C-alpha cells in the first residue's frame, strides 16, 4: 500500500537520455523559427527596396501639375492688351483684329424669324445671334449697351445691318437683355471674344481679357486652335 503512495522520482534521478532529449528539442525549435522569421524579413525588405522607386515615381506623376499651354497664355496676354486700347469706329472692311468697336446697334424685326442667315442656319428670335458687316461669321462677342451698362454675349451668324449708321443687328432676345427694344437703337461697344482667322485659327479678342485660364482654354477647344 505504501508503494502506491510513493513520491515521484526526483528530477535528478531520471534517465539522462530522457532529460537531454526534450531539452535538445526545445532548444532547436525556437532557433529554427527565428531563422525562418529572419529569412522572411529579409525577403520582405528586398521586395520593398525593389518596388519603392516605382511607387515613388507613380506618386510623383499623379501630383505633378500639367504645364500651361503657352499658346493660351500668349493669346490671353494679347487679349488684355487689346482691351486696354480705346474703342475704334466700325471699319469698312473685314475685321479680324479683335479690337473693341464703338457704334450703333438695332435688332431684327419679328418677320425675319425662320429666314436663312449667312451661315446657312434659320434665324431664331430667341437665340443669342447677331449680324455684322465686318466681323467674321462665327465670331463670339460681348455687346455692352453704353446707355445702361447692360451686356449680352452674341454669335455673329449673319450679315448686316444695311441701314446707314448701324454696325450691328441683334436678335429680339438680345435686344430685351440689353433693354433696347423700346428705343430700337442703342449706342454700344462690341468686344470680340473669339475671332476666326483666315487661316482657320482663333484669335482671342478684347472680350476675352477678363476670362480665367480655364474659360479661355474651354473657349479655344470649342472653336479650334488658338493663334
C-alpha atoms as a PDB file:
ATOM      1  CA  UNK A   1       0.000   0.000   0.000  1.00  0.00           C
ATOM      2  CA  UNK A   2       2.799   2.374   0.786  1.00  0.00           C
ATOM      3  CA  UNK A   3       4.295   1.712  -2.641  1.00  0.00           C
ATOM      4  CA  UNK A   4       1.199   3.141  -4.263  1.00  0.00           C
ATOM      5  CA  UNK A   5       1.730   6.480  -2.485  1.00  0.00           C
ATOM      6  CA  UNK A   6       5.473   6.672  -3.033  1.00  0.00           C
ATOM      7  CA  UNK A   7       6.623  10.202  -4.068  1.00  0.00           C
ATOM      8  CA  UNK A   8       7.697  10.721  -7.653  1.00  0.00           C
ATOM      9  CA  UNK A   9      11.301  10.082  -8.501  1.00  0.00           C
ATOM     10  CA  UNK A  10      13.296  13.307  -8.254  1.00  0.00           C
ATOM     11  CA  UNK A  11      14.307  15.082 -11.484  1.00  0.00           C
ATOM     12  CA  UNK A  12      17.942  14.279 -10.971  1.00  0.00           C
ATOM     13  CA  UNK A  13      17.172  10.596 -10.780  1.00  0.00           C
ATOM     14  CA  UNK A  14      15.734  10.316 -14.234  1.00  0.00           C
ATOM     15  CA  UNK A  15      17.458   8.822 -17.227  1.00  0.00           C
ATOM     16  CA  UNK A  16      19.913  11.345 -18.724  1.00  0.00           C
ATOM     17  CA  UNK A  17      18.799  10.349 -22.192  1.00  0.00           C
ATOM     18  CA  UNK A  18      15.237  11.161 -21.258  1.00  0.00           C
ATOM     19  CA  UNK A  19      16.326  14.510 -19.884  1.00  0.00           C
ATOM     20  CA  UNK A  20      18.626  15.590 -22.734  1.00  0.00           C
ATOM     21  CA  UNK A  21      16.214  14.583 -25.454  1.00  0.00           C
ATOM     22  CA  UNK A  22      13.430  17.093 -24.663  1.00  0.00           C
ATOM     23  CA  UNK A  23      15.978  19.806 -23.855  1.00  0.00           C
ATOM     24  CA  UNK A  24      17.581  19.487 -27.278  1.00  0.00           C
ATOM     25  CA  UNK A  25      14.156  19.601 -28.913  1.00  0.00           C
ATOM     26  CA  UNK A  26      13.221  22.736 -27.004  1.00  0.00           C
ATOM     27  CA  UNK A  27      16.440  24.482 -27.995  1.00  0.00           C
ATOM     28  CA  UNK A  28      16.222  23.574 -31.701  1.00  0.00           C
ATOM     29  CA  UNK A  29      12.564  24.663 -32.042  1.00  0.00           C
ATOM     30  CA  UNK A  30      12.980  28.406 -31.327  1.00  0.00           C
ATOM     31  CA  UNK A  31      16.218  28.549 -33.311  1.00  0.00           C
ATOM     32  CA  UNK A  32      14.541  27.192 -36.426  1.00  0.00           C
ATOM     33  CA  UNK A  33      11.607  29.576 -36.007  1.00  0.00           C
ATOM     34  CA  UNK A  34      13.971  32.532 -35.604  1.00  0.00           C
ATOM     35  CA  UNK A  35      15.884  31.604 -38.749  1.00  0.00           C
ATOM     36  CA  UNK A  36      12.616  31.345 -40.689  1.00  0.00           C
ATOM     37  CA  UNK A  37      11.499  34.731 -39.343  1.00  0.00           C
ATOM     38  CA  UNK A  38      14.798  36.362 -40.322  1.00  0.00           C
ATOM     39  CA  UNK A  39      14.611  34.908 -43.829  1.00  0.00           C
ATOM     40  CA  UNK A  40      11.035  36.208 -44.210  1.00  0.00           C
ATOM     41  CA  UNK A  41      12.033  39.710 -43.067  1.00  0.00           C
ATOM     42  CA  UNK A  42      14.975  39.769 -45.487  1.00  0.00           C
ATOM     43  CA  UNK A  43      12.748  38.750 -48.392  1.00  0.00           C
ATOM     44  CA  UNK A  44      10.216  41.450 -47.477  1.00  0.00           C
ATOM     45  CA  UNK A  45      12.980  44.072 -47.295  1.00  0.00           C
ATOM     46  CA  UNK A  46      14.263  43.103 -50.753  1.00  0.00           C
ATOM     47  CA  UNK A  47      10.785  43.334 -52.274  1.00  0.00           C
ATOM     48  CA  UNK A  48      10.171  46.725 -50.628  1.00  0.00           C
ATOM     49  CA  UNK A  49      13.513  48.057 -51.875  1.00  0.00           C
ATOM     50  CA  UNK A  50      12.707  46.986 -55.430  1.00  0.00           C
ATOM     51  CA  UNK A  51       9.172  48.399 -55.520  1.00  0.00           C
ATOM     52  CA  UNK A  52       9.750  51.659 -53.615  1.00  0.00           C
ATOM     53  CA  UNK A  53      11.227  53.613 -56.585  1.00  0.00           C
ATOM     54  CA  UNK A  54       8.308  52.574 -58.797  1.00  0.00           C
ATOM     55  CA  UNK A  55       5.773  53.658 -56.174  1.00  0.00           C
ATOM     56  CA  UNK A  56       7.533  56.981 -55.666  1.00  0.00           C
ATOM     57  CA  UNK A  57       7.629  57.640 -59.407  1.00  0.00           C
ATOM     58  CA  UNK A  58       3.951  56.807 -59.760  1.00  0.00           C
ATOM     59  CA  UNK A  59       3.055  59.107 -56.873  1.00  0.00           C
ATOM     60  CA  UNK A  60       5.140  61.918 -58.377  1.00  0.00           C
ATOM     61  CA  UNK A  61       3.395  61.598 -61.716  1.00  0.00           C
ATOM     62  CA  UNK A  62      -0.018  61.833 -60.098  1.00  0.00           C
ATOM     63  CA  UNK A  63       0.605  65.058 -58.196  1.00  0.00           C
ATOM     64  CA  UNK A  64       2.689  66.792 -60.849  1.00  0.00           C
ATOM     65  CA  UNK A  65       0.599  69.667 -62.349  1.00  0.00           C
ATOM     66  CA  UNK A  66       0.107  69.864 -66.076  1.00  0.00           C
ATOM     67  CA  UNK A  67       2.087  72.678 -67.713  1.00  0.00           C
ATOM     68  CA  UNK A  68       0.076  75.608 -69.017  1.00  0.00           C
ATOM     69  CA  UNK A  69      -0.473  75.821 -72.754  1.00  0.00           C
ATOM     70  CA  UNK A  70       1.902  78.577 -73.936  1.00  0.00           C
ATOM     71  CA  UNK A  71      -0.409  79.385 -76.857  1.00  0.00           C
ATOM     72  CA  UNK A  72      -3.306  80.092 -74.474  1.00  0.00           C
ATOM     73  CA  UNK A  73      -1.110  82.197 -72.202  1.00  0.00           C
ATOM     74  CA  UNK A  74       0.200  84.279 -75.089  1.00  0.00           C
ATOM     75  CA  UNK A  75      -3.309  84.722 -76.511  1.00  0.00           C
ATOM     76  CA  UNK A  76      -4.608  85.847 -73.118  1.00  0.00           C
ATOM     77  CA  UNK A  77      -1.860  88.427 -72.844  1.00  0.00           C
ATOM     78  CA  UNK A  78      -2.725  89.782 -76.283  1.00  0.00           C
ATOM     79  CA  UNK A  79      -6.404  89.929 -75.287  1.00  0.00           C
ATOM     80  CA  UNK A  80      -5.525  92.086 -72.280  1.00  0.00           C
ATOM     81  CA  UNK A  81      -3.530  94.456 -74.495  1.00  0.00           C
ATOM     82  CA  UNK A  82      -6.440  94.713 -76.934  1.00  0.00           C
ATOM     83  CA  UNK A  83      -8.837  95.513 -74.106  1.00  0.00           C
ATOM     84  CA  UNK A  84      -6.590  98.360 -72.957  1.00  0.00           C
ATOM     85  CA  UNK A  85      -6.766 100.003 -76.389  1.00  0.00           C
ATOM     86  CA  UNK A  86      -9.537 102.559 -76.977  1.00  0.00           C
ATOM     87  CA  UNK A  87     -12.592 101.513 -78.965  1.00  0.00           C
ATOM     88  CA  UNK A  88     -12.489 102.344 -82.687  1.00  0.00           C
ATOM     89  CA  UNK A  89     -15.259 103.272 -85.129  1.00  0.00           C
ATOM     90  CA  UNK A  90     -16.661 100.471 -87.287  1.00  0.00           C
ATOM     91  CA  UNK A  91     -14.135  99.544 -90.012  1.00  0.00           C
ATOM     92  CA  UNK A  92     -15.161  99.351 -93.648  1.00  0.00           C
ATOM     93  CA  UNK A  93     -13.515  96.026 -94.341  1.00  0.00           C
ATOM     94  CA  UNK A  94     -13.385  92.628 -92.668  1.00  0.00           C
ATOM     95  CA  UNK A  95     -12.083  92.977 -89.132  1.00  0.00           C
ATOM     96  CA  UNK A  96     -10.014  90.119 -87.677  1.00  0.00           C
ATOM     97  CA  UNK A  97      -8.163  92.295 -85.144  1.00  0.00           C
ATOM     98  CA  UNK A  98     -10.264  91.578 -82.040  1.00  0.00           C
ATOM     99  CA  UNK A  99     -10.336  95.275 -81.077  1.00  0.00           C
ATOM    100  CA  UNK A 100     -13.294  96.979 -79.404  1.00  0.00           C
ATOM    101  CA  UNK A 101     -15.656  98.692 -81.832  1.00  0.00           C
ATOM    102  CA  UNK A 102     -17.974 101.583 -80.994  1.00  0.00           C
ATOM    103  CA  UNK A 103     -21.221 102.253 -82.844  1.00  0.00           C
ATOM    104  CA  UNK A 104     -24.992 101.801 -83.008  1.00  0.00           C
ATOM    105  CA  UNK A 105     -26.928  98.557 -82.816  1.00  0.00           C
ATOM    106  CA  UNK A 106     -30.500  97.738 -83.811  1.00  0.00           C
ATOM    107  CA  UNK A 107     -32.490  94.487 -83.684  1.00  0.00           C
ATOM    108  CA  UNK A 108     -34.227  92.138 -86.088  1.00  0.00           C
ATOM    109  CA  UNK A 109     -37.918  92.526 -86.780  1.00  0.00           C
ATOM    110  CA  UNK A 110     -40.109  89.544 -85.931  1.00  0.00           C
ATOM    111  CA  UNK A 111     -40.909  88.778 -89.567  1.00  0.00           C
ATOM    112  CA  UNK A 112     -37.294  87.654 -90.098  1.00  0.00           C
ATOM    113  CA  UNK A 113     -37.960  84.550 -87.988  1.00  0.00           C
ATOM    114  CA  UNK A 114     -37.126  81.375 -89.920  1.00  0.00           C
ATOM    115  CA  UNK A 115     -35.235  83.124 -92.710  1.00  0.00           C
ATOM    116  CA  UNK A 116     -31.878  81.704 -93.708  1.00  0.00           C
ATOM    117  CA  UNK A 117     -28.870  83.595 -92.385  1.00  0.00           C
ATOM    118  CA  UNK A 118     -25.414  83.962 -93.907  1.00  0.00           C
ATOM    119  CA  UNK A 119     -24.085  80.855 -92.116  1.00  0.00           C
ATOM    120  CA  UNK A 120     -26.925  78.736 -93.560  1.00  0.00           C
ATOM    121  CA  UNK A 121     -28.979  78.477 -90.371  1.00  0.00           C
ATOM    122  CA  UNK A 122     -32.525  79.682 -89.879  1.00  0.00           C
ATOM    123  CA  UNK A 123     -32.953  82.819 -87.809  1.00  0.00           C
ATOM    124  CA  UNK A 124     -34.276  82.130 -84.310  1.00  0.00           C
ATOM    125  CA  UNK A 125     -35.556  85.249 -82.476  1.00  0.00           C
ATOM    126  CA  UNK A 126     -34.892  83.535 -79.134  1.00  0.00           C
ATOM    127  CA  UNK A 127     -31.199  82.816 -79.880  1.00  0.00           C
ATOM    128  CA  UNK A 128     -28.222  84.983 -78.952  1.00  0.00           C
ATOM    129  CA  UNK A 129     -27.253  85.780 -82.540  1.00  0.00           C
ATOM    130  CA  UNK A 130     -26.230  88.938 -84.344  1.00  0.00           C
ATOM    131  CA  UNK A 131     -25.452  90.296 -87.788  1.00  0.00           C
ATOM    132  CA  UNK A 132     -22.293  92.243 -88.622  1.00  0.00           C
ATOM    133  CA  UNK A 133     -20.859  93.618 -91.837  1.00  0.00           C
ATOM    134  CA  UNK A 134     -17.223  93.273 -90.778  1.00  0.00           C
ATOM    135  CA  UNK A 135     -16.812  90.636 -88.015  1.00  0.00           C
ATOM    136  CA  UNK A 136     -16.160  87.136 -89.389  1.00  0.00           C
ATOM    137  CA  UNK A 137     -19.010  84.639 -89.310  1.00  0.00           C
ATOM    138  CA  UNK A 138     -18.687  82.549 -86.160  1.00  0.00           C
ATOM    139  CA  UNK A 139     -17.256  85.373 -84.038  1.00  0.00           C
ATOM    140  CA  UNK A 140     -18.422  85.453 -80.439  1.00  0.00           C
ATOM    141  CA  UNK A 141     -18.571  88.908 -78.890  1.00  0.00           C
ATOM    142  CA  UNK A 142     -19.715  90.791 -75.835  1.00  0.00           C
ATOM    143  CA  UNK A 143     -22.125  93.636 -76.579  1.00  0.00           C
ATOM    144  CA  UNK A 144     -22.455  96.392 -73.967  1.00  0.00           C
ATOM    145  CA  UNK A 145     -25.261  98.969 -74.057  1.00  0.00           C
ATOM    146  CA  UNK A 146     -23.471 102.180 -73.093  1.00  0.00           C
ATOM    147  CA  UNK A 147     -26.778 103.848 -72.186  1.00  0.00           C
ATOM    148  CA  UNK A 148     -27.473 101.496 -69.248  1.00  0.00           C
ATOM    149  CA  UNK A 149     -24.406  99.262 -68.838  1.00  0.00           C
ATOM    150  CA  UNK A 150     -26.259  96.022 -69.645  1.00  0.00           C
ATOM    151  CA  UNK A 151     -24.457  93.402 -71.704  1.00  0.00           C
ATOM    152  CA  UNK A 152     -25.028  90.179 -73.640  1.00  0.00           C
ATOM    153  CA  UNK A 153     -22.881  87.646 -75.476  1.00  0.00           C
ATOM    154  CA  UNK A 154     -23.714  87.007 -79.129  1.00  0.00           C
ATOM    155  CA  UNK A 155     -22.504  84.872 -82.016  1.00  0.00           C
ATOM    156  CA  UNK A 156     -22.231  86.504 -85.429  1.00  0.00           C
ATOM    157  CA  UNK A 157     -24.187  84.300 -87.833  1.00  0.00           C
ATOM    158  CA  UNK A 158     -25.477  86.820 -90.377  1.00  0.00           C
ATOM    159  CA  UNK A 159     -24.510  89.843 -92.446  1.00  0.00           C
ATOM    160  CA  UNK A 160     -25.957  93.308 -91.924  1.00  0.00           C
ATOM    161  CA  UNK A 161     -27.401  95.693 -90.964  1.00  0.00           C
ATOM    162  CA  UNK A 162     -27.613  97.585 -94.208  1.00  0.00           C
ATOM    163  CA  UNK A 163     -29.093 100.726 -92.696  1.00  0.00           C
ATOM    164  CA  UNK A 164     -26.575 103.621 -92.655  1.00  0.00           C
ATOM    165  CA  UNK A 165     -25.164 104.466 -89.237  1.00  0.00           C
ATOM    166  CA  UNK A 166     -25.672 100.986 -87.754  1.00  0.00           C
ATOM    167  CA  UNK A 167     -22.973  98.366 -87.273  1.00  0.00           C
ATOM    168  CA  UNK A 168     -24.824  95.505 -85.558  1.00  0.00           C
ATOM    169  CA  UNK A 169     -28.216  93.800 -85.636  1.00  0.00           C
ATOM    170  CA  UNK A 170     -29.135  91.611 -82.662  1.00  0.00           C
ATOM    171  CA  UNK A 171     -31.987  89.177 -82.085  1.00  0.00           C
ATOM    172  CA  UNK A 172     -35.097  90.250 -80.145  1.00  0.00           C
ATOM    173  CA  UNK A 173     -33.897  88.172 -77.183  1.00  0.00           C
ATOM    174  CA  UNK A 174     -30.585  90.039 -77.056  1.00  0.00           C
ATOM    175  CA  UNK A 175     -32.389  93.362 -77.515  1.00  0.00           C
ATOM    176  CA  UNK A 176     -34.511  92.536 -74.493  1.00  0.00           C
ATOM    177  CA  UNK A 177     -31.430  91.646 -72.449  1.00  0.00           C
ATOM    178  CA  UNK A 178     -29.856  94.974 -73.403  1.00  0.00           C
ATOM    179  CA  UNK A 179     -33.127  96.845 -72.662  1.00  0.00           C
ATOM    180  CA  UNK A 180     -33.085  98.498 -76.086  1.00  0.00           C
ATOM    181  CA  UNK A 181     -36.393  97.307 -77.527  1.00  0.00           C
ATOM    182  CA  UNK A 182     -38.215 100.488 -76.625  1.00  0.00           C
ATOM    183  CA  UNK A 183     -35.649 102.795 -78.197  1.00  0.00           C
ATOM    184  CA  UNK A 184     -34.967 100.470 -81.143  1.00  0.00           C
ATOM    185  CA  UNK A 185     -31.369 101.649 -81.461  1.00  0.00           C
ATOM    186  CA  UNK A 186     -28.642 101.697 -78.796  1.00  0.00           C
ATOM    187  CA  UNK A 187     -25.134 103.084 -78.574  1.00  0.00           C
ATOM    188  CA  UNK A 188     -22.966 100.026 -77.914  1.00  0.00           C
ATOM    189  CA  UNK A 189     -19.406  98.814 -77.715  1.00  0.00           C
ATOM    190  CA  UNK A 190     -18.654  95.402 -79.191  1.00  0.00           C
ATOM    191  CA  UNK A 191     -15.822  93.426 -77.608  1.00  0.00           C
ATOM    192  CA  UNK A 192     -14.884  90.404 -79.739  1.00  0.00           C
ATOM    193  CA  UNK A 193     -14.155  87.336 -77.614  1.00  0.00           C
ATOM    194  CA  UNK A 194     -13.115  84.720 -80.193  1.00  0.00           C
ATOM    195  CA  UNK A 195     -12.496  85.766 -83.782  1.00  0.00           C
ATOM    196  CA  UNK A 196     -11.993  83.183 -86.573  1.00  0.00           C
ATOM    197  CA  UNK A 197      -8.927  83.961 -88.675  1.00  0.00           C
ATOM    198  CA  UNK A 198      -8.428  83.367 -92.427  1.00  0.00           C
ATOM    199  CA  UNK A 199      -6.009  80.504 -91.697  1.00  0.00           C
ATOM    200  CA  UNK A 200      -8.618  78.659 -89.636  1.00  0.00           C
ATOM    201  CA  UNK A 201      -7.190  79.547 -86.221  1.00  0.00           C
ATOM    202  CA  UNK A 202      -8.923  81.525 -83.476  1.00  0.00           C
ATOM    203  CA  UNK A 203      -7.791  84.865 -82.087  1.00  0.00           C
ATOM    204  CA  UNK A 204      -8.856  85.909 -78.591  1.00  0.00           C
ATOM    205  CA  UNK A 205     -10.113  89.474 -78.701  1.00  0.00           C
ATOM    206  CA  UNK A 206     -10.653  92.245 -76.166  1.00  0.00           C
ATOM    207  CA  UNK A 207     -13.722  90.490 -74.744  1.00  0.00           C
ATOM    208  CA  UNK A 208     -11.566  87.586 -73.520  1.00  0.00           C
ATOM    209  CA  UNK A 209      -9.320  89.811 -71.398  1.00  0.00           C
ATOM    210  CA  UNK A 210     -11.026  89.034 -68.089  1.00  0.00           C
ATOM    211  CA  UNK A 211     -11.580  85.332 -68.616  1.00  0.00           C
ATOM    212  CA  UNK A 212      -9.959  82.755 -66.357  1.00  0.00           C
ATOM    213  CA  UNK A 213      -7.363  80.400 -67.900  1.00  0.00           C
ATOM    214  CA  UNK A 214      -9.864  77.533 -67.783  1.00  0.00           C
ATOM    215  CA  UNK A 215     -12.513  79.620 -69.573  1.00  0.00           C
ATOM    216  CA  UNK A 216     -10.031  80.641 -72.249  1.00  0.00           C
ATOM    217  CA  UNK A 217      -8.933  77.012 -72.713  1.00  0.00           C
ATOM    218  CA  UNK A 218     -12.552  75.850 -72.987  1.00  0.00           C
ATOM    219  CA  UNK A 219     -13.291  78.601 -75.495  1.00  0.00           C
ATOM    220  CA  UNK A 220     -10.234  77.697 -77.545  1.00  0.00           C
ATOM    221  CA  UNK A 221     -11.094  73.991 -77.590  1.00  0.00           C
ATOM    222  CA  UNK A 222     -14.682  74.681 -78.653  1.00  0.00           C
ATOM    223  CA  UNK A 223     -13.651  76.885 -81.588  1.00  0.00           C
ATOM    224  CA  UNK A 224     -10.350  75.365 -82.688  1.00  0.00           C
ATOM    225  CA  UNK A 225      -6.671  76.099 -82.260  1.00  0.00           C
ATOM    226  CA  UNK A 226      -5.713  79.486 -80.824  1.00  0.00           C
ATOM    227  CA  UNK A 227      -3.450  81.751 -82.792  1.00  0.00           C
END
